[in-house]
């Protein structure tokens, strides 16, 4: 596959003249790695940026200009010591229809995944998530996490914007292993949708719960394959570049922290930022925040530790806790302070799921944590 056919390359000479990034900037680093990859056939590439200058037909028109503005801010940030092999593939060539773009995204992400390259997507409307998710359709443990104030499950038959992409993904992949919403706001999500999530053993973290303890998001993102981030989940004072900003939402620092958690996850294959709209962002603060999120993702990516008790239990301390007549195995990776819990997944098989230290503490009080029940029910659902 000649992936270059899918993209219009970045004009590094023009961008360098306009932004004057020094040899200590991320722009210089990315340019060097990109040009090098053209000769090494991407063998040394670890992460690839790709812009998608696409906008939904019905809402938030103007997002097509986001990749260029985000790049402008990203490239003048400091370089990342210890992380080489970051390239910029350029902007995806838009097809004749939305479906063309979806299928192109599927092909590109699938190709990069086969090479072990993490994709960082600069959108574009969040419905691009539909195309990206198609590349994981045959992945039995595909976990999609979505940062959004709403749950985009509108059900009009022909939906050409981002307000129904989750429903489309569930329709195309009825056996999706796990879907997790992060940062939803109760007044924007109906109780019936939350009930559907509980029935399907999916998960959600409300904004208030995040504020109580932000670290609850870390185990979720540690187990995530693809994180789709809607910039409108950030409050208007920190990110006004959207056609429908909200006075409430994540703070800019919290958005960067979620990106950092995502970068640390060895299971994370795609990180996408969507719905940035330069037409509503005259001071480019929203694009700057998106660029900072990408920087923190890449900075964490440079320091990720690929440890997983499902693959190798040697680096872990094992605990066996008696709770309500059950023995719950827990695994602690002491250098990082991260926890996992083992959950039965059918006859003679188990899942080892990232969890929070509070889950271990709860089991020590002889109570079965919610995460155990959720995945035990998920095993029953998927076996039917």
Protein backbone atom coordinates (compact mmCIF):
# COMPACT_ATOMS: atom_id res chain seq x y z
CA UNK A 1 0.00 0.00 0.00
CA UNK A 2 1.37 3.41 -0.98
CA UNK A 3 -0.04 5.48 1.86
CA UNK A 4 1.27 8.67 0.25
CA UNK A 5 -1.51 8.43 -2.35
CA UNK A 6 -4.05 9.17 0.37
CA UNK A 7 -2.49 12.45 1.48
CA UNK A 8 -1.47 15.92 0.40
CA UNK A 9 1.92 16.37 2.10
CA UNK A 10 2.75 19.22 4.47
CA UNK A 11 4.74 22.03 2.90
CA UNK A 12 7.47 22.16 5.54
CA UNK A 13 9.37 24.93 3.76
CA UNK A 14 6.35 27.23 3.77
CA UNK A 15 5.38 26.36 7.32
CA UNK A 16 8.94 26.84 8.52
CA UNK A 17 9.11 30.29 6.94
CA UNK A 18 5.83 31.35 8.49
CA UNK A 19 6.39 29.95 11.98
CA UNK A 20 10.21 30.05 12.13
CA UNK A 21 10.48 26.92 14.25
CA UNK A 22 13.97 26.38 15.61
CA UNK A 23 15.93 23.14 15.74
CA UNK A 24 14.70 22.76 19.33
CA UNK A 25 11.04 22.82 18.26
CA UNK A 26 8.70 19.94 17.64
CA UNK A 27 8.24 21.20 14.07
CA UNK A 28 11.93 20.71 13.33
CA UNK A 29 11.81 17.25 14.88
CA UNK A 30 8.74 16.18 12.91
CA UNK A 31 10.09 17.56 9.64
CA UNK A 32 13.37 15.67 10.09
CA UNK A 33 11.61 12.39 10.95
CA UNK A 34 9.11 12.76 8.10
CA UNK A 35 11.75 13.31 5.45
CA UNK A 36 13.80 10.44 6.87
CA UNK A 37 10.78 8.09 6.75
CA UNK A 38 10.43 8.66 3.01
CA UNK A 39 13.74 6.82 2.57
CA UNK A 40 13.41 4.17 5.29
CA UNK A 41 9.89 3.07 4.28
CA UNK A 42 8.51 4.00 7.70
CA UNK A 43 10.43 1.25 9.47
CA UNK A 44 11.49 3.59 12.28
CA UNK A 45 8.18 5.44 12.64
CA UNK A 46 6.43 5.28 16.02
CA UNK A 47 3.61 7.84 15.66
CA UNK A 48 2.01 9.54 12.67
CA UNK A 49 0.02 12.76 12.57
CA UNK A 50 -2.69 13.00 9.94
CA UNK A 51 -5.00 15.89 9.27
CA UNK A 52 -8.52 15.45 7.96
CA UNK A 53 -9.79 18.75 6.47
CA UNK A 54 -13.40 17.64 6.52
CA UNK A 55 -16.52 19.17 7.98
CA UNK A 56 -19.99 17.74 8.65
CA UNK A 57 -22.74 18.79 6.26
CA UNK A 58 -25.29 19.86 8.84
CA UNK A 59 -23.45 21.35 11.82
CA UNK A 60 -20.26 23.08 12.97
CA UNK A 61 -19.27 24.01 9.43
CA UNK A 62 -15.72 25.33 9.36
CA UNK A 63 -13.89 22.38 10.92
CA UNK A 64 -12.06 21.68 7.64
CA UNK A 65 -9.57 24.41 8.51
CA UNK A 66 -8.65 22.90 11.89
CA UNK A 67 -5.67 20.67 10.96
CA UNK A 68 -3.64 23.56 9.50
CA UNK A 69 -4.22 25.84 12.50
CA UNK A 70 -3.50 23.10 15.04
CA UNK A 71 -0.25 22.28 13.23
CA UNK A 72 0.80 25.92 13.35
CA UNK A 73 0.66 25.91 17.15
CA UNK A 74 1.95 22.36 17.60
CA UNK A 75 5.05 22.81 15.47
CA UNK A 76 6.41 25.74 17.46
CA UNK A 77 6.24 23.84 20.77
CA UNK A 78 9.34 22.30 22.30
CA UNK A 79 10.75 19.07 20.93
CA UNK A 80 10.42 15.77 22.76
CA UNK A 81 13.67 14.29 23.93
CA UNK A 82 13.74 10.53 23.79
CA UNK A 83 11.03 10.25 21.16
CA UNK A 84 12.09 10.00 17.55
CA UNK A 85 10.04 8.68 14.69
CA UNK A 86 7.16 11.18 14.75
CA UNK A 87 6.01 11.97 11.23
CA UNK A 88 3.29 14.07 9.64
CA UNK A 89 1.56 12.32 6.75
CA UNK A 90 -0.20 15.53 5.73
CA UNK A 91 -3.90 16.06 5.02
CA UNK A 92 -6.17 13.28 3.85
CA UNK A 93 -7.47 13.83 0.33
CA UNK A 94 -11.22 14.27 0.62
CA UNK A 95 -13.35 11.93 -1.46
CA UNK A 96 -16.58 12.56 -3.28
CA UNK A 97 -18.72 11.53 -0.31
CA UNK A 98 -18.58 11.15 3.45
CA UNK A 99 -18.43 7.38 3.01
CA UNK A 100 -15.31 7.76 0.86
CA UNK A 101 -13.63 9.58 3.73
CA UNK A 102 -14.75 6.93 6.23
CA UNK A 103 -13.31 4.12 4.13
CA UNK A 104 -10.07 6.03 3.56
CA UNK A 105 -9.71 6.51 7.31
CA UNK A 106 -10.33 2.81 7.83
CA UNK A 107 -7.64 1.86 5.31
CA UNK A 108 -5.06 4.29 6.65
CA UNK A 109 -5.53 3.43 10.34
CA UNK A 110 -5.52 -0.28 9.54
CA UNK A 111 -2.28 0.09 7.58
CA UNK A 112 -0.58 2.09 10.32
CA UNK A 113 -1.76 -0.37 12.97
CA UNK A 114 -0.25 -3.29 11.06
CA UNK A 115 3.08 -1.45 11.20
CA UNK A 116 2.74 -0.75 14.91
CA UNK A 117 2.37 3.00 14.31
CA UNK A 118 0.09 5.04 16.57
CA UNK A 119 -2.18 7.43 14.64
CA UNK A 120 -2.86 10.97 15.90
CA UNK A 121 -5.83 12.38 13.99
CA UNK A 122 -6.48 16.10 13.65
CA UNK A 123 -10.11 16.51 12.56
CA UNK A 124 -12.62 17.38 11.22
CA UNK A 125 -16.03 16.35 12.50
CA UNK A 126 -16.25 13.69 15.20
CA UNK A 127 -18.25 11.42 12.91
CA UNK A 128 -14.82 10.50 11.47
CA UNK A 129 -14.78 8.17 14.47
CA UNK A 130 -17.12 5.94 12.44
CA UNK A 131 -14.52 5.32 9.75
CA UNK A 132 -11.69 4.82 12.22
CA UNK A 133 -13.74 2.32 14.24
CA UNK A 134 -14.21 0.21 11.11
CA UNK A 135 -10.50 -0.60 11.13
CA UNK A 136 -11.04 -2.43 14.46
CA UNK A 137 -14.19 -4.33 13.48
CA UNK A 138 -12.42 -7.69 13.68
CA UNK A 139 -10.64 -6.86 16.95
CA UNK A 140 -12.36 -8.87 19.74
CA UNK A 141 -11.24 -6.53 22.55
CA UNK A 142 -11.77 -3.21 20.74
CA UNK A 143 -12.51 -0.52 23.32
CA UNK A 144 -13.67 2.91 22.18
CA UNK A 145 -13.56 5.81 24.63
CA UNK A 146 -15.26 9.10 23.78
CA UNK A 147 -14.72 12.39 25.61
CA UNK A 148 -17.87 14.40 25.10
CA UNK A 149 -20.44 16.33 27.11
CA UNK A 150 -23.20 14.52 25.19
CA UNK A 151 -23.81 11.01 23.90
CA UNK A 152 -24.19 11.36 20.13
CA UNK A 153 -26.92 8.80 19.46
CA UNK A 154 -29.51 10.69 17.41
CA UNK A 155 -31.44 8.27 15.24
CA UNK A 156 -32.50 10.11 12.11
CA UNK A 157 -32.09 7.73 9.19
CA UNK A 158 -29.68 9.88 7.18
CA UNK A 159 -27.35 11.61 9.60
CA UNK A 160 -24.60 13.63 7.93
CA UNK A 161 -23.06 15.17 11.02
CA UNK A 162 -21.57 14.01 14.30
CA UNK A 163 -24.77 13.82 16.34
CA UNK A 164 -25.44 10.16 15.56
CA UNK A 165 -22.03 8.57 15.06
CA UNK A 166 -22.19 6.39 18.19
CA UNK A 167 -25.46 4.82 17.06
CA UNK A 168 -23.88 4.09 13.66
CA UNK A 169 -20.86 2.45 15.28
CA UNK A 170 -23.07 0.25 17.46
CA UNK A 171 -25.13 -0.71 14.41
CA UNK A 172 -22.02 -1.68 12.44
CA UNK A 173 -20.40 -3.47 15.37
CA UNK A 174 -23.12 -4.98 17.59
CA UNK A 175 -20.50 -7.00 19.50
CA UNK A 176 -18.31 -4.02 20.36
CA UNK A 177 -16.34 -5.12 23.40
CA UNK A 178 -16.54 -1.87 25.33
CA UNK A 179 -17.66 1.73 24.90
CA UNK A 180 -16.79 4.33 27.51
CA UNK A 181 -18.02 7.92 27.73
CA UNK A 182 -15.90 10.41 29.67
CA UNK A 183 -16.96 13.85 30.91
CA UNK A 184 -20.66 13.67 30.08
CA UNK A 185 -22.91 16.30 31.67
CA UNK A 186 -26.11 15.00 33.25
CA UNK A 187 -28.33 17.79 31.95
CA UNK A 188 -27.32 16.97 28.36
CA UNK A 189 -27.86 13.19 28.45
CA UNK A 190 -31.23 11.48 28.85
CA UNK A 191 -31.67 8.80 31.50
CA UNK A 192 -32.86 6.37 28.80
CA UNK A 193 -29.46 6.54 27.06
CA UNK A 194 -27.65 5.90 30.33
CA UNK A 195 -29.93 2.92 30.92
CA UNK A 196 -29.00 1.57 27.47
CA UNK A 197 -25.34 1.89 28.42
CA UNK A 198 -25.88 -0.07 31.61
CA UNK A 199 -27.80 -2.78 29.76
CA UNK A 200 -24.98 -3.17 27.24
CA UNK A 201 -22.38 -3.15 30.07
CA UNK A 202 -20.83 0.01 28.66
CA UNK A 203 -19.52 2.70 30.95
CA UNK A 204 -19.68 6.43 31.55
CA UNK A 205 -17.93 8.91 33.84
CA UNK A 206 -19.88 12.06 34.50
CA UNK A 207 -18.07 15.39 34.73
CA UNK A 208 -18.87 15.69 38.45
CA UNK A 209 -17.34 12.27 39.14
CA UNK A 210 -14.18 13.35 37.34
CA UNK A 211 -14.01 16.45 39.49
CA UNK A 212 -14.30 14.31 42.64
CA UNK A 213 -11.32 12.18 41.61
CA UNK A 214 -9.75 12.75 38.20
CA UNK A 215 -7.65 9.59 38.45
CA UNK A 216 -10.73 7.42 37.79
CA UNK A 217 -10.17 8.14 34.08
CA UNK A 218 -6.68 6.62 34.03
CA UNK A 219 -7.63 2.89 34.20
CA UNK A 220 -10.30 3.47 31.55
CA UNK A 221 -7.81 5.03 29.14
CA UNK A 222 -5.21 2.38 29.97
CA UNK A 223 -7.62 -0.16 28.47
CA UNK A 224 -8.65 1.98 25.46
CA UNK A 225 -7.84 1.23 21.82
CA UNK A 226 -9.10 4.51 20.35
CA UNK A 227 -9.82 7.78 22.15
CA UNK A 228 -12.13 10.17 20.30
CA UNK A 229 -12.09 13.66 21.86
CA UNK A 230 -14.78 16.25 21.07
CA UNK A 231 -13.31 19.68 21.82
CA UNK A 232 -16.80 20.96 22.71
CA UNK A 233 -16.51 18.95 25.96
CA UNK A 234 -14.16 21.73 27.12
CA UNK A 235 -15.86 24.80 28.60
CA UNK A 236 -16.22 27.90 26.46
CA UNK A 237 -13.77 30.00 28.47
CA UNK A 238 -11.01 27.53 27.57
CA UNK A 239 -12.16 26.47 24.10
CA UNK A 240 -14.65 28.71 22.32
CA UNK A 241 -13.86 27.36 18.83
CA UNK A 242 -17.08 25.46 18.25
CA UNK A 243 -20.49 26.48 16.96
CA UNK A 244 -22.19 25.38 20.21
CA UNK A 245 -19.77 26.00 23.10
CA UNK A 246 -20.88 25.45 26.68
CA UNK A 247 -20.25 27.50 29.83
CA UNK A 248 -19.56 24.22 31.66
CA UNK A 249 -17.17 21.44 30.84
CA UNK A 250 -13.62 20.24 31.19
CA UNK A 251 -10.90 22.75 31.90
CA UNK A 252 -8.01 23.07 29.48
CA UNK A 253 -5.60 21.53 31.98
CA UNK A 254 -7.95 18.57 32.43
CA UNK A 255 -8.14 18.01 28.68
CA UNK A 256 -4.34 17.86 28.55
CA UNK A 257 -4.32 15.46 31.49
CA UNK A 258 -6.67 13.08 29.69
CA UNK A 259 -4.40 13.26 26.63
CA UNK A 260 -1.46 12.44 28.90
CA UNK A 261 -3.24 9.38 30.30
CA UNK A 262 -4.02 8.28 26.74
CA UNK A 263 -0.40 8.61 25.69
CA UNK A 264 0.76 6.42 28.56
CA UNK A 265 -1.52 3.56 27.50
CA UNK A 266 0.28 0.81 25.60
CA UNK A 267 -3.09 -0.30 24.16
CA UNK A 268 -3.86 3.08 22.61
CA UNK A 269 -3.66 2.83 18.82
CA UNK A 270 -5.47 6.03 17.78
CA UNK A 271 -5.93 9.42 19.43
CA UNK A 272 -8.24 11.83 17.63
CA UNK A 273 -9.22 15.45 18.36
CA UNK A 274 -12.36 16.60 16.57
CA UNK A 275 -14.77 19.53 16.12
CA UNK A 276 -12.20 22.34 16.41
CA UNK A 277 -13.65 25.17 14.34
CA UNK A 278 -11.30 28.05 13.43
CA UNK A 279 -14.21 30.21 12.27
CA UNK A 280 -15.33 30.55 15.91
CA UNK A 281 -11.77 30.80 17.21
CA UNK A 282 -10.41 34.20 16.16
CA UNK A 283 -7.61 34.19 18.76
CA UNK A 284 -6.84 30.52 18.00
CA UNK A 285 -7.00 29.53 21.67
CA UNK A 286 -8.95 26.37 20.88
CA UNK A 287 -6.46 25.29 18.23
CA UNK A 288 -3.65 26.06 20.65
CA UNK A 289 -5.30 23.89 23.31
CA UNK A 290 -5.72 21.05 20.79
CA UNK A 291 -2.02 21.37 19.92
CA UNK A 292 -1.10 21.25 23.60
CA UNK A 293 -3.19 18.09 23.99
CA UNK A 294 -1.30 16.46 21.12
CA UNK A 295 2.01 17.52 22.69
CA UNK A 296 1.08 15.98 26.06
CA UNK A 297 -0.10 12.81 24.34
CA UNK A 298 3.24 12.48 22.53
CA UNK A 299 5.23 13.38 25.64
CA UNK A 300 3.50 10.59 27.58
CA UNK A 301 3.86 8.26 24.59
CA UNK A 302 7.62 8.73 24.83
CA UNK A 303 7.51 7.38 28.39
CA UNK A 304 4.88 4.65 28.14
CA UNK A 305 5.72 1.31 29.75
CA UNK A 306 4.34 -1.72 27.97
CA UNK A 307 3.46 -3.87 30.96
CA UNK A 308 0.38 -6.08 31.10
CA UNK A 309 -0.29 -8.95 33.55
CA UNK A 310 -2.36 -10.68 30.88
CA UNK A 311 0.87 -11.13 28.94
CA UNK A 312 3.51 -11.44 31.65
CA UNK A 313 2.81 -11.56 35.41
CA UNK A 314 6.49 -11.47 36.40
CA UNK A 315 6.78 -7.68 37.10
CA UNK A 316 3.63 -7.65 39.24
CA UNK A 317 2.77 -8.18 42.89
CA UNK A 318 -0.26 -10.47 43.11
CA UNK A 319 -2.95 -10.13 45.77
CA UNK A 320 -5.80 -12.56 46.36
CA UNK A 321 -8.68 -10.95 48.22
CA UNK A 322 -11.67 -12.77 49.70
CA UNK A 323 -14.86 -10.80 49.05
CA UNK A 324 -18.41 -12.14 49.37
CA UNK A 325 -17.36 -15.80 48.99
CA UNK A 326 -15.24 -15.00 45.94
CA UNK A 327 -11.49 -14.83 45.56
CA UNK A 328 -10.56 -11.75 43.55
CA UNK A 329 -7.04 -11.67 42.07
CA UNK A 330 -5.45 -8.23 41.84
CA UNK A 331 -2.15 -7.23 40.23
CA UNK A 332 -0.04 -4.25 41.23
CA UNK A 333 2.79 -2.82 39.14
CA UNK A 334 4.70 -1.13 41.94
CA UNK A 335 6.93 1.19 39.82
CA UNK A 336 3.86 2.90 38.30
CA UNK A 337 1.31 2.26 41.08
CA UNK A 338 -1.15 0.80 38.56
CA UNK A 339 -3.68 -1.91 39.42
CA UNK A 340 -5.48 -4.64 37.47
CA UNK A 341 -8.27 -7.05 38.47
CA UNK A 342 -8.94 -10.53 37.11
CA UNK A 343 -12.52 -11.30 36.03
CA UNK A 344 -13.83 -14.67 34.79
CA UNK A 345 -14.65 -14.63 31.06
CA UNK A 346 -16.24 -18.02 30.51
CA UNK A 347 -15.01 -21.52 31.14
CA UNK A 348 -11.35 -21.60 32.09
CA UNK A 349 -10.62 -18.12 30.76
CA UNK A 350 -10.19 -14.70 32.35
CA UNK A 351 -9.94 -11.05 31.54
CA UNK A 352 -7.39 -8.95 33.37
CA UNK A 353 -8.82 -5.43 33.42
CA UNK A 354 -7.14 -2.17 34.53
CA UNK A 355 -8.74 -0.89 37.70
CA UNK A 356 -8.35 1.79 40.36
CA UNK A 357 -6.68 1.30 43.72
CA UNK A 358 -10.08 2.05 45.28
CA UNK A 359 -11.37 -1.21 43.75
CA UNK A 360 -8.71 -3.12 45.67
CA UNK A 361 -9.54 -1.21 48.86
CA UNK A 362 -13.23 -2.00 48.43
CA UNK A 363 -12.49 -5.72 48.00
CA UNK A 364 -10.39 -5.61 51.16
CA UNK A 365 -13.57 -4.50 52.94
CA UNK A 366 -15.22 -7.68 51.57
CA UNK A 367 -17.23 -5.85 48.92
CA UNK A 368 -17.12 -6.79 45.23
CA UNK A 369 -16.20 -3.68 43.19
CA UNK A 370 -18.47 -2.48 40.40
CA UNK A 371 -15.84 -3.12 37.73
CA UNK A 372 -15.89 -6.85 38.55
CA UNK A 373 -19.68 -7.00 38.20
CA UNK A 374 -19.62 -5.02 34.95
CA UNK A 375 -17.16 -7.32 33.21
CA UNK A 376 -18.73 -10.46 34.63
CA UNK A 377 -22.03 -9.32 33.08
CA UNK A 378 -20.20 -8.44 29.88
CA UNK A 379 -18.91 -12.01 29.67
CA UNK A 380 -22.48 -13.28 29.89
CA UNK A 381 -23.67 -10.79 27.25
CA UNK A 382 -20.95 -11.60 24.75
CA UNK A 383 -21.35 -15.35 25.17
CA UNK A 384 -24.97 -15.25 24.00
